N, C-alpha and C. Protein backbone atom coordinates (compact mmCIF):
# COMPACT_ATOMS: atom_id res chain seq x y z
N MET A 1 -37.78 -112.54 89.17
CA MET A 1 -39.19 -112.79 89.51
C MET A 1 -39.60 -114.16 88.67
N LYS A 2 -40.29 -114.90 89.47
CA LYS A 2 -40.73 -116.13 88.77
C LYS A 2 -42.26 -116.20 88.58
N ILE A 3 -42.53 -116.53 87.48
CA ILE A 3 -44.23 -116.79 87.14
C ILE A 3 -44.27 -118.17 86.60
N ASP A 4 -45.25 -118.67 87.36
CA ASP A 4 -45.62 -120.12 86.92
C ASP A 4 -46.31 -120.16 85.57
N ARG A 5 -46.49 -121.46 85.12
CA ARG A 5 -47.16 -121.58 83.62
C ARG A 5 -48.52 -121.06 83.63
N GLN A 6 -49.40 -121.38 84.74
CA GLN A 6 -50.76 -121.08 84.62
C GLN A 6 -50.96 -119.64 84.72
N SER A 7 -50.11 -118.82 85.35
CA SER A 7 -50.19 -117.32 85.40
C SER A 7 -50.10 -116.62 84.19
N VAL A 8 -49.57 -117.30 83.08
CA VAL A 8 -49.67 -116.72 81.75
C VAL A 8 -50.79 -117.23 80.87
N CYS A 9 -51.59 -118.05 81.32
CA CYS A 9 -52.61 -118.56 80.59
C CYS A 9 -53.92 -117.75 80.69
N TYR A 10 -54.74 -118.05 79.79
CA TYR A 10 -56.24 -117.61 79.85
C TYR A 10 -57.18 -118.76 79.55
N TRP A 11 -58.42 -118.68 80.05
CA TRP A 11 -59.37 -119.89 79.85
C TRP A 11 -59.93 -119.77 78.51
N HIS A 12 -59.67 -120.92 77.65
CA HIS A 12 -60.15 -121.00 76.25
C HIS A 12 -61.67 -121.81 76.40
N GLU A 13 -62.54 -120.98 76.40
CA GLU A 13 -63.92 -121.48 76.51
C GLU A 13 -64.19 -122.71 75.56
N GLU A 14 -63.88 -122.64 74.32
CA GLU A 14 -64.09 -123.63 73.28
C GLU A 14 -63.30 -124.88 73.49
N LYS A 15 -61.93 -124.67 73.89
CA LYS A 15 -61.22 -125.83 74.21
C LYS A 15 -61.44 -126.38 75.60
N GLY A 16 -61.99 -125.68 76.54
CA GLY A 16 -62.20 -126.16 77.87
C GLY A 16 -61.01 -126.28 78.61
N ARG A 17 -59.89 -125.68 78.34
CA ARG A 17 -58.72 -125.55 79.03
C ARG A 17 -57.91 -124.23 78.95
N TRP A 18 -56.79 -124.38 79.90
CA TRP A 18 -56.11 -123.10 79.97
C TRP A 18 -55.18 -123.05 78.66
N VAL A 19 -54.86 -121.86 78.18
CA VAL A 19 -54.11 -121.80 76.89
C VAL A 19 -53.14 -120.51 76.98
N ALA A 20 -51.82 -120.66 76.69
CA ALA A 20 -50.79 -119.58 76.74
C ALA A 20 -50.26 -119.50 75.24
N GLU A 21 -50.56 -118.39 74.60
CA GLU A 21 -50.07 -118.14 73.24
C GLU A 21 -48.59 -117.70 73.23
N ALA A 22 -47.85 -118.13 72.24
CA ALA A 22 -46.57 -117.71 71.95
C ALA A 22 -46.60 -116.29 71.67
N GLY A 23 -45.39 -115.44 72.31
CA GLY A 23 -45.38 -114.07 71.95
C GLY A 23 -44.59 -113.46 73.07
N GLU A 24 -44.43 -112.11 73.10
CA GLU A 24 -43.67 -111.29 74.12
C GLU A 24 -44.80 -110.58 74.88
N TYR A 25 -44.64 -110.57 76.19
CA TYR A 25 -45.51 -110.02 77.15
C TYR A 25 -44.88 -109.00 77.97
N GLN A 26 -45.43 -107.82 78.19
CA GLN A 26 -44.84 -106.80 79.15
C GLN A 26 -45.46 -107.05 80.55
N ILE A 27 -44.64 -107.18 81.50
CA ILE A 27 -44.99 -107.33 82.90
C ILE A 27 -44.71 -106.11 83.69
N TYR A 28 -45.71 -105.59 84.40
CA TYR A 28 -45.62 -104.58 85.24
C TYR A 28 -45.78 -104.66 86.54
N VAL A 29 -44.89 -104.29 87.55
CA VAL A 29 -45.13 -104.46 88.90
C VAL A 29 -45.23 -103.02 89.68
N GLY A 30 -46.53 -103.07 90.50
CA GLY A 30 -46.70 -101.80 91.18
C GLY A 30 -47.97 -101.96 92.12
N MET A 31 -48.10 -101.06 92.82
CA MET A 31 -49.37 -101.02 93.67
C MET A 31 -50.62 -100.59 92.89
N PHE A 32 -50.57 -99.84 91.99
CA PHE A 32 -51.61 -99.30 91.17
C PHE A 32 -51.13 -99.15 89.65
N SER A 33 -52.10 -98.99 88.77
CA SER A 33 -51.67 -98.89 87.52
C SER A 33 -50.78 -97.54 87.08
N VAL A 34 -50.93 -96.64 87.88
CA VAL A 34 -50.22 -95.39 87.78
C VAL A 34 -48.98 -95.39 88.69
N ASP A 35 -48.71 -96.43 89.39
CA ASP A 35 -47.67 -96.42 90.30
C ASP A 35 -46.75 -97.60 89.97
N ILE A 36 -46.04 -97.70 88.78
CA ILE A 36 -45.51 -98.85 88.22
C ILE A 36 -43.92 -98.58 88.95
N HIS A 37 -43.34 -99.70 89.58
CA HIS A 37 -41.95 -99.67 90.03
C HIS A 37 -41.09 -100.51 89.31
N ALA A 38 -41.66 -101.35 88.46
CA ALA A 38 -40.73 -102.35 87.59
C ALA A 38 -41.35 -102.86 86.49
N GLU A 39 -40.60 -103.01 85.41
CA GLU A 39 -41.33 -103.64 84.17
C GLU A 39 -40.32 -104.64 83.61
N LYS A 40 -40.82 -105.72 82.84
CA LYS A 40 -40.02 -106.68 82.41
C LYS A 40 -40.70 -107.10 81.15
N VAL A 41 -39.85 -107.53 79.92
CA VAL A 41 -40.56 -108.30 78.94
C VAL A 41 -40.47 -109.78 79.14
N MET A 42 -41.46 -110.47 79.12
CA MET A 42 -41.36 -112.06 79.10
C MET A 42 -41.79 -112.65 77.95
N GLU A 43 -41.17 -113.68 77.53
CA GLU A 43 -41.41 -114.45 76.20
C GLU A 43 -42.12 -115.76 76.40
N VAL A 44 -43.08 -116.02 75.86
CA VAL A 44 -43.65 -117.45 75.84
C VAL A 44 -43.09 -118.04 74.39
N VAL A 45 -42.26 -118.94 74.39
CA VAL A 45 -41.45 -119.41 73.36
C VAL A 45 -42.42 -120.08 72.38
N GLU A 46 -43.42 -120.88 72.79
CA GLU A 46 -44.47 -121.61 72.07
C GLU A 46 -45.60 -121.75 72.74
N THR A 47 -46.80 -121.85 72.13
CA THR A 47 -48.01 -121.90 72.65
C THR A 47 -48.13 -123.35 73.34
N PHE A 48 -48.87 -123.21 74.47
CA PHE A 48 -49.18 -124.48 75.09
C PHE A 48 -50.43 -124.45 75.85
N GLU A 49 -50.96 -125.68 76.36
CA GLU A 49 -52.30 -125.79 76.87
C GLU A 49 -51.96 -126.55 78.11
N LEU A 50 -52.91 -126.19 79.22
CA LEU A 50 -52.87 -126.87 80.48
C LEU A 50 -54.51 -127.57 80.69
N ASP A 51 -54.47 -128.59 81.24
CA ASP A 51 -55.73 -129.25 81.47
C ASP A 51 -56.50 -128.40 82.68
N ALA A 52 -57.86 -128.55 82.72
CA ALA A 52 -58.41 -127.67 83.61
C ALA A 52 -58.29 -128.23 84.94
C-alpha cells in the first residue's frame, strides 16, 4: 500500500500549511469501521510541513 505525503498531514491553522508529526500511526483498511480487513503500522520518521 502506498500513501502519499499529504495523506498523512493535517491542516495547521496557525502555520497556514499542512503538517505531519513524527510518530507511529495505525492504518486500517475496510468498508466500515466495524469491517476491518487489514491493518498496518506506518511510521513518519520526522515531522515535516508542506505548503498550502
